[in-house]
Amino acid sequence: MPPKITINPNIAQAETLPSDFYLNENIFKESKENIFTPSWQFITDVHRLDNTKVFPFTFLKGFIDEPLVIINKGENINCYSNVCTHRSHLVTNEPCKVNKLRCPYHGRTYNLDGTFNSTPGFENVENFPTEKDNLQSIPTLQWKQFIFASLNPSIDITPVLNDIEMRLPNFPFDELTYDENNSASWEIDAHWALYCENYLEGFHVPFVHQGLAKDIDVGTYETQLLENGVLQIAEGEKEIPILNDPKTLNRKIYGLYYWIFPNIMLNFYSWGLSVNIIEPISKEKTRVRFLSFSINSMSQPQEGDATLERVELEDQSVVQSVQKGIKSRYYKRGRYSPTHEKGVHHFHGLLAKYLP
């Protein structure tokens, strides 16, 4: 049995996660079923489905590896298992525009609502078909133009989404366009939780991100705890109307950084939205997916000392160094800064809550 993880709810007394959390293979396996299976994962945005009815994808590729398919019927977007109920062949491998799904292995077909349609060679099978022959329906959540899916949803992310809507009433979500050229994916040699921890505090900004530290007012950096999420607020020199909170119009918001438990980040800027998705591969390898959504003709800045790519690579360097240090026999667990590491403490508390 893996060791039980506990976090003192009083941050002034609490110790950080024990190093065993990052090093123990059984804990890593437990996180698959207890943290990520009930989580909501960011899949795509509806505009990328405009020219397709069928959109196959893998739920957390390389980790959970569950083959799923989104069916776009215009007014409804639903998700189903992409595994044929006959002999488990994948039903579809590529995005396409069809009226029925047809498994290429033995020709079994399904309607676009996931129900069994027909299959050759089963004329003499008794008590067939049954509900077991339909494709399993998978829960989806559509917020704005973004689609999330979950295998067994029990982690409520609506409080975070509601906070975004309340705080950003003027943000032009309907003008966001996926920017493939400024999107990227990396695989880094570090535990997935170390990346999230680094994201959840601005404590390191003056030491690691010299360029970013010039653009934001580090002294006003703020962390707010949400149910199953964290919001970090950075102020700068210029007023950005689309980021204004009607309740605090005197603040010059540079960026709003929302983290959704366990592994999704929504970052709002003057030019649009960046989405970070942190996907475990192994306890020492993580995929970082960066998706850029720009507002109309605006684009993600590519010059200067505080570009997102530069900040990203600086963060990755730090996280990979922590991965080496976490293995030390001289490190077991540390303490939190109550001023700067409230988000990290909140994250660790949620991990302790959802692990057995």
Protein backbone atom coordinates (compact mmCIF):
# COMPACT_ATOMS: atom_id res chain seq x y z
CA MET A 1 0.00 0.00 0.00
CA PRO A 2 1.29 3.50 -0.79
CA PRO A 3 1.82 5.80 2.20
CA LYS A 4 -1.12 8.03 3.13
CA ILE A 5 -0.70 11.69 2.15
CA THR A 6 -1.80 14.31 4.69
CA ILE A 7 -1.52 18.11 4.59
CA ASN A 8 -2.16 20.30 7.63
CA PRO A 9 -4.94 22.78 6.68
CA ASN A 10 -3.14 25.50 8.66
CA ILE A 11 -0.52 26.75 6.21
CA ALA A 12 1.53 28.35 8.98
CA GLN A 13 1.99 24.91 10.55
CA ALA A 14 1.89 22.73 7.44
CA GLU A 15 4.69 20.85 5.72
CA THR A 16 4.75 20.38 1.94
CA LEU A 17 4.11 17.06 0.21
CA PRO A 18 6.58 14.34 1.20
CA SER A 19 9.08 13.40 -1.47
CA ASP A 20 7.48 9.94 -1.57
CA PHE A 21 4.53 11.50 -3.40
CA TYR A 22 6.74 12.19 -6.42
CA LEU A 23 8.87 9.04 -6.20
CA ASN A 24 6.46 6.25 -5.24
CA GLU A 25 5.17 4.34 -8.25
CA ASN A 26 2.05 3.16 -6.38
CA ILE A 27 1.06 6.74 -5.54
CA PHE A 28 1.48 7.67 -9.19
CA LYS A 29 -0.79 4.78 -10.19
CA GLU A 30 -3.35 5.75 -7.55
CA SER A 31 -3.51 9.26 -9.04
CA LYS A 32 -4.66 7.81 -12.35
CA GLU A 33 -7.96 6.51 -10.96
CA ASN A 34 -8.48 8.89 -8.04
CA ILE A 35 -7.37 12.24 -9.49
CA PHE A 36 -7.45 12.08 -13.29
CA THR A 37 -10.31 9.69 -14.06
CA PRO A 38 -12.80 11.93 -12.18
CA SER A 39 -11.24 15.11 -13.59
CA TRP A 40 -12.50 17.25 -16.46
CA GLN A 41 -9.99 17.44 -19.31
CA PHE A 42 -9.84 20.17 -21.96
CA ILE A 43 -10.47 18.54 -25.36
CA THR A 44 -10.95 21.19 -28.06
CA ASP A 45 -13.00 24.23 -29.06
CA VAL A 46 -16.16 24.06 -31.16
CA HIS A 47 -14.67 26.07 -34.03
CA ARG A 48 -12.21 23.26 -34.72
CA LEU A 49 -15.23 21.01 -35.29
CA ASP A 50 -16.84 23.25 -37.92
CA ASN A 51 -15.88 20.99 -40.82
CA THR A 52 -16.26 17.63 -39.13
CA LYS A 53 -18.97 15.53 -37.51
CA VAL A 54 -16.63 12.95 -36.00
CA PHE A 55 -13.58 13.91 -33.93
CA PRO A 56 -11.61 10.99 -32.39
CA PHE A 57 -9.13 11.70 -29.59
CA THR A 58 -7.35 9.97 -26.72
CA PHE A 59 -8.16 10.91 -23.14
CA LEU A 60 -4.76 11.67 -21.57
CA LYS A 61 -2.58 9.99 -24.17
CA GLY A 62 0.27 7.95 -22.73
CA PHE A 63 -1.32 7.87 -19.25
CA ILE A 64 -4.97 6.82 -19.18
CA ASP A 65 -5.04 6.21 -22.96
CA GLU A 66 -8.83 5.98 -23.30
CA PRO A 67 -9.98 6.20 -26.98
CA LEU A 68 -12.98 8.52 -27.29
CA VAL A 69 -14.83 10.28 -30.08
CA ILE A 70 -16.76 13.55 -30.16
CA ILE A 71 -19.85 13.62 -32.36
CA ASN A 72 -20.81 17.07 -33.61
CA LYS A 73 -24.47 17.19 -34.61
CA GLY A 74 -24.63 20.98 -34.84
CA GLU A 75 -27.00 21.79 -32.01
CA ASN A 76 -25.53 19.01 -29.84
CA ILE A 77 -21.98 17.91 -29.16
CA ASN A 78 -21.65 14.53 -27.46
CA CYS A 79 -18.85 12.13 -26.62
CA TYR A 80 -18.69 8.32 -26.80
CA SER A 81 -16.24 5.48 -26.42
CA ASN A 82 -14.35 4.96 -29.67
CA VAL A 83 -14.04 1.19 -29.07
CA CYS A 84 -16.20 -1.23 -31.06
CA THR A 85 -18.41 -3.36 -28.80
CA HIS A 86 -17.69 -6.44 -30.96
CA ARG A 87 -13.93 -7.05 -30.74
CA SER A 88 -12.59 -3.72 -29.40
CA HIS A 89 -11.19 -2.32 -32.67
CA LEU A 90 -11.15 1.49 -32.80
CA VAL A 91 -14.29 2.60 -34.61
CA THR A 92 -12.71 5.63 -36.27
CA ASN A 93 -9.16 6.91 -36.56
CA GLU A 94 -9.48 10.25 -38.34
CA PRO A 95 -11.79 13.29 -38.16
CA CYS A 96 -14.47 12.88 -40.80
CA LYS A 97 -17.93 13.90 -41.95
CA VAL A 98 -20.21 10.84 -42.07
CA ASN A 99 -23.79 9.93 -41.20
CA LYS A 100 -22.89 6.68 -39.44
CA LEU A 101 -19.83 5.26 -37.71
CA ARG A 102 -18.49 2.06 -39.27
CA CYS A 103 -15.88 -0.14 -37.62
CA PRO A 104 -13.31 -1.09 -40.29
CA TYR A 105 -12.61 -4.50 -38.69
CA HIS A 106 -15.91 -6.38 -39.27
CA GLY A 107 -18.25 -3.68 -40.57
CA ARG A 108 -20.36 -3.04 -37.47
CA THR A 109 -22.09 0.36 -37.69
CA TYR A 110 -23.34 2.84 -35.12
CA ASN A 111 -25.69 5.80 -35.32
CA LEU A 112 -24.34 9.23 -34.42
CA ASP A 113 -26.05 8.99 -31.04
CA GLY A 114 -23.80 6.03 -30.22
CA THR A 115 -26.52 3.39 -30.58
CA PHE A 116 -25.92 0.11 -32.40
CA ASN A 117 -27.15 0.19 -36.00
CA SER A 118 -26.22 -3.02 -37.80
CA THR A 119 -23.60 -5.74 -38.12
CA PRO A 120 -23.05 -8.50 -40.69
CA GLY A 121 -22.88 -12.17 -39.70
CA PHE A 122 -24.91 -11.96 -36.47
CA GLU A 123 -28.25 -13.25 -37.83
CA ASN A 124 -28.39 -16.28 -35.51
CA VAL A 125 -27.18 -14.61 -32.31
CA GLU A 126 -29.78 -14.78 -29.53
CA ASN A 127 -30.75 -11.85 -27.34
CA PHE A 128 -28.93 -9.44 -29.64
CA PRO A 129 -28.47 -6.51 -29.77
CA THR A 130 -28.70 -5.18 -26.21
CA GLU A 131 -27.63 -1.89 -24.62
CA LYS A 132 -24.16 -3.40 -24.20
CA ASP A 133 -23.79 -3.20 -27.97
CA ASN A 134 -24.12 0.60 -27.95
CA LEU A 135 -21.08 2.84 -27.60
CA GLN A 136 -20.66 4.01 -24.02
CA SER A 137 -21.69 7.65 -23.56
CA ILE A 138 -19.03 9.89 -21.96
CA PRO A 139 -19.91 13.02 -19.93
CA THR A 140 -19.06 16.34 -21.58
CA LEU A 141 -19.09 19.94 -20.44
CA GLN A 142 -19.25 22.83 -22.89
CA TRP A 143 -18.23 26.23 -21.54
CA LYS A 144 -18.16 29.15 -23.97
CA GLN A 145 -16.68 27.51 -27.10
CA PHE A 146 -14.55 25.01 -25.17
CA ILE A 147 -15.32 21.31 -24.71
CA PHE A 148 -14.29 19.27 -21.68
CA ALA A 149 -14.78 15.54 -21.08
CA SER A 150 -14.55 13.29 -18.03
CA LEU A 151 -14.59 9.51 -17.60
CA ASN A 152 -16.25 9.65 -14.19
CA PRO A 153 -16.82 13.27 -13.17
CA SER A 154 -16.78 14.00 -9.46
CA ILE A 155 -14.57 17.10 -9.39
CA ASP A 156 -16.73 20.20 -9.77
CA ILE A 157 -15.01 22.86 -11.88
CA THR A 158 -18.01 25.15 -12.33
CA PRO A 159 -16.97 27.44 -9.42
CA VAL A 160 -13.80 28.33 -11.35
CA LEU A 161 -15.68 28.86 -14.61
CA ASN A 162 -18.29 30.99 -12.84
CA ASP A 163 -15.54 33.13 -11.30
CA ILE A 164 -14.08 33.76 -14.77
CA GLU A 165 -17.46 34.89 -16.09
CA MET A 166 -18.03 37.17 -13.10
CA ARG A 167 -14.56 38.71 -13.26
CA LEU A 168 -14.31 39.07 -17.05
CA PRO A 169 -17.71 40.28 -18.30
CA ASN A 170 -16.05 42.24 -21.14
CA PHE A 171 -13.69 39.54 -22.40
CA PRO A 172 -14.51 38.77 -26.09
CA PHE A 173 -14.71 34.97 -25.95
CA ASP A 174 -16.65 34.87 -29.21
CA GLU A 175 -13.69 36.51 -31.01
CA LEU A 176 -11.10 33.92 -29.93
CA THR A 177 -9.43 31.94 -32.71
CA TYR A 178 -7.07 28.99 -32.27
CA ASP A 179 -3.55 30.02 -33.28
CA GLU A 180 -1.76 26.86 -34.36
CA ASN A 181 1.50 28.64 -35.20
CA ASN A 182 1.90 29.89 -31.63
CA SER A 183 0.77 26.66 -29.97
CA ALA A 184 3.26 24.00 -28.92
CA SER A 185 3.85 20.82 -26.97
CA TRP A 186 6.83 19.74 -24.89
CA GLU A 187 7.82 16.64 -22.96
CA ILE A 188 9.83 17.43 -19.85
CA ASP A 189 11.68 15.19 -17.40
CA ALA A 190 9.67 16.00 -14.29
CA HIS A 191 6.66 14.88 -12.26
CA TRP A 192 3.45 16.57 -13.38
CA ALA A 193 2.68 17.97 -9.92
CA LEU A 194 6.02 19.82 -9.79
CA TYR A 195 5.00 21.78 -12.88
CA CYS A 196 1.65 22.70 -11.28
CA GLU A 197 3.35 23.76 -8.05
CA ASN A 198 5.64 26.11 -9.95
CA TYR A 199 2.66 27.63 -11.75
CA LEU A 200 0.74 28.17 -8.54
CA GLU A 201 3.06 30.75 -6.98
CA GLY A 202 4.53 34.04 -8.11
CA PHE A 203 7.21 33.76 -5.41
CA HIS A 204 9.81 32.68 -7.96
CA VAL A 205 9.10 35.39 -10.54
CA PRO A 206 11.80 37.92 -9.46
CA PHE A 207 14.41 35.16 -9.30
CA VAL A 208 13.57 33.12 -12.40
CA HIS A 209 11.75 35.48 -14.81
CA GLN A 210 13.72 38.72 -14.97
CA GLY A 211 11.86 39.85 -18.09
CA LEU A 212 8.41 39.16 -16.67
CA ALA A 213 9.35 40.84 -13.38
CA LYS A 214 9.89 44.09 -15.31
CA ASP A 215 6.41 43.94 -16.85
CA ILE A 216 4.39 43.19 -13.72
CA ASP A 217 4.17 44.79 -10.30
CA VAL A 218 5.43 41.93 -8.14
CA GLY A 219 4.40 43.76 -4.98
CA THR A 220 0.71 43.60 -5.93
CA TYR A 221 0.77 39.93 -7.02
CA GLU A 222 -2.28 38.24 -5.50
CA THR A 223 -3.47 34.65 -5.02
CA GLN A 224 -7.12 33.77 -4.47
CA LEU A 225 -8.28 30.25 -3.56
CA LEU A 226 -11.34 28.80 -5.30
CA GLU A 227 -13.18 25.52 -5.00
CA ASN A 228 -11.02 23.09 -7.00
CA GLY A 229 -9.03 25.99 -8.39
CA VAL A 230 -6.75 28.96 -7.84
CA LEU A 231 -6.67 32.45 -9.34
CA GLN A 232 -3.47 34.51 -9.52
CA ILE A 233 -3.66 38.20 -10.44
CA ALA A 234 -0.75 40.20 -11.84
CA GLU A 235 -0.88 43.96 -12.29
CA GLY A 236 1.15 46.04 -14.72
CA GLU A 237 1.57 49.62 -15.93
CA LYS A 238 -1.16 49.77 -18.57
CA GLU A 239 -4.91 49.51 -18.23
CA ILE A 240 -6.39 46.66 -20.29
CA PRO A 241 -10.17 47.17 -20.52
CA ILE A 242 -11.08 43.58 -21.41
CA LEU A 243 -9.39 42.38 -18.20
CA ASN A 244 -11.09 44.92 -15.95
CA ASP A 245 -13.12 43.60 -13.06
CA PRO A 246 -16.17 45.89 -12.64
CA LYS A 247 -15.72 45.70 -8.86
CA THR A 248 -12.07 46.85 -8.94
CA LEU A 249 -11.72 49.24 -11.87
CA ASN A 250 -8.75 50.95 -10.24
CA ARG A 251 -6.54 47.90 -10.83
CA LYS A 252 -4.38 47.67 -13.96
CA ILE A 253 -4.56 43.95 -14.62
CA TYR A 254 -1.66 42.52 -16.66
CA GLY A 255 -2.89 38.92 -16.58
CA LEU A 256 -5.32 36.59 -14.84
CA TYR A 257 -4.04 33.06 -14.28
CA TYR A 258 -6.66 30.43 -13.48
CA TRP A 259 -5.68 26.91 -12.46
CA ILE A 260 -8.31 24.15 -12.53
CA PHE A 261 -7.59 21.03 -10.48
CA PRO A 262 -5.70 18.97 -11.28
CA ASN A 263 -3.88 20.06 -14.45
CA ILE A 264 -5.47 22.85 -16.54
CA MET A 265 -4.42 26.51 -16.69
CA LEU A 266 -6.41 29.30 -18.38
CA ASN A 267 -4.36 32.47 -18.75
CA PHE A 268 -6.05 35.70 -19.85
CA TYR A 269 -4.06 38.50 -21.50
CA SER A 270 -4.63 41.63 -23.55
CA TRP A 271 -4.20 39.64 -26.79
CA GLY A 272 -6.29 36.58 -25.86
CA LEU A 273 -6.13 33.31 -23.95
CA SER A 274 -3.44 30.70 -23.48
CA VAL A 275 -4.32 27.23 -22.20
CA ASN A 276 -1.77 24.97 -20.54
CA ILE A 277 -2.64 21.30 -20.12
CA ILE A 278 -0.25 19.29 -17.94
CA GLU A 279 -0.43 15.60 -18.84
CA PRO A 280 1.37 12.89 -16.83
CA ILE A 281 3.28 10.26 -18.81
CA SER A 282 5.29 8.67 -16.01
CA LYS A 283 6.36 9.80 -12.56
CA GLU A 284 9.41 11.42 -14.18
CA LYS A 285 7.97 12.58 -17.50
CA THR A 286 5.22 15.08 -18.30
CA ARG A 287 3.69 16.48 -21.48
CA VAL A 288 3.02 20.23 -21.45
CA ARG A 289 0.50 21.28 -24.11
CA PHE A 290 0.29 24.99 -24.80
CA LEU A 291 -2.70 26.21 -26.84
CA SER A 292 -2.92 29.82 -27.99
CA PHE A 293 -6.26 31.51 -28.74
CA SER A 294 -5.93 35.06 -30.05
CA ILE A 295 -8.55 37.80 -30.29
CA ASN A 296 -9.37 38.50 -33.96
CA SER A 297 -6.34 40.07 -35.63
CA MET A 298 -4.29 40.26 -32.44
CA SER A 299 -1.55 37.74 -31.78
CA GLN A 300 0.59 36.45 -28.98
CA PRO A 301 3.67 38.72 -28.53
CA GLN A 302 6.84 37.19 -29.96
CA GLU A 303 9.46 39.76 -28.95
CA GLY A 304 10.89 40.94 -25.66
CA ASP A 305 12.14 39.37 -22.46
CA ALA A 306 8.70 38.28 -21.23
CA THR A 307 7.34 36.27 -24.17
CA LEU A 308 5.31 33.24 -23.14
CA GLU A 309 7.78 30.87 -24.78
CA ARG A 310 10.70 32.37 -22.89
CA VAL A 311 8.84 32.25 -19.57
CA GLU A 312 7.74 28.69 -20.34
CA LEU A 313 11.28 27.48 -20.98
CA GLU A 314 12.51 29.20 -17.83
CA ASP A 315 9.79 27.41 -15.86
CA GLN A 316 10.64 24.07 -17.42
CA SER A 317 14.30 24.47 -16.48
CA VAL A 318 13.38 25.14 -12.85
CA VAL A 319 10.92 22.25 -12.64
CA GLN A 320 13.40 19.77 -14.09
CA SER A 321 16.00 20.89 -11.57
CA VAL A 322 13.48 20.30 -8.76
CA GLN A 323 12.88 16.80 -10.17
CA LYS A 324 16.57 16.03 -9.63
CA GLY A 325 16.52 17.49 -6.13
CA ILE A 326 13.38 15.65 -5.03
CA LYS A 327 15.33 12.37 -5.20
CA SER A 328 17.89 13.51 -2.64
CA ARG A 329 18.17 11.47 0.55
CA TYR A 330 18.56 14.79 2.34
CA TYR A 331 15.15 16.14 1.33
CA LYS A 332 11.85 14.83 2.70
CA ARG A 333 9.48 17.81 2.84
CA GLY A 334 9.64 21.58 3.35
CA ARG A 335 7.49 24.41 4.71
CA TYR A 336 5.18 26.92 2.99
CA SER A 337 5.42 30.68 2.77
CA PRO A 338 1.95 31.75 4.01
CA THR A 339 2.35 34.99 2.04
CA HIS A 340 3.37 33.53 -1.32
CA GLU A 341 2.48 29.83 -1.46
CA LYS A 342 -1.22 29.67 -0.63
CA GLY A 343 -1.94 28.20 -4.07
CA VAL A 344 0.62 25.42 -3.65
CA HIS A 345 -0.78 24.56 -0.20
CA HIS A 346 -4.32 24.47 -1.65
CA PHE A 347 -3.16 22.15 -4.44
CA HIS A 348 -1.48 19.79 -1.99
CA GLY A 349 -4.61 19.74 0.16
CA LEU A 350 -6.70 18.73 -2.85
CA LEU A 351 -4.24 15.95 -3.72
CA ALA A 352 -4.50 14.63 -0.17
CA LYS A 353 -8.31 14.85 -0.37
CA TYR A 354 -8.69 12.83 -3.56
CA LEU A 355 -5.99 10.22 -2.96
CA PRO A 356 -7.16 7.20 -0.89
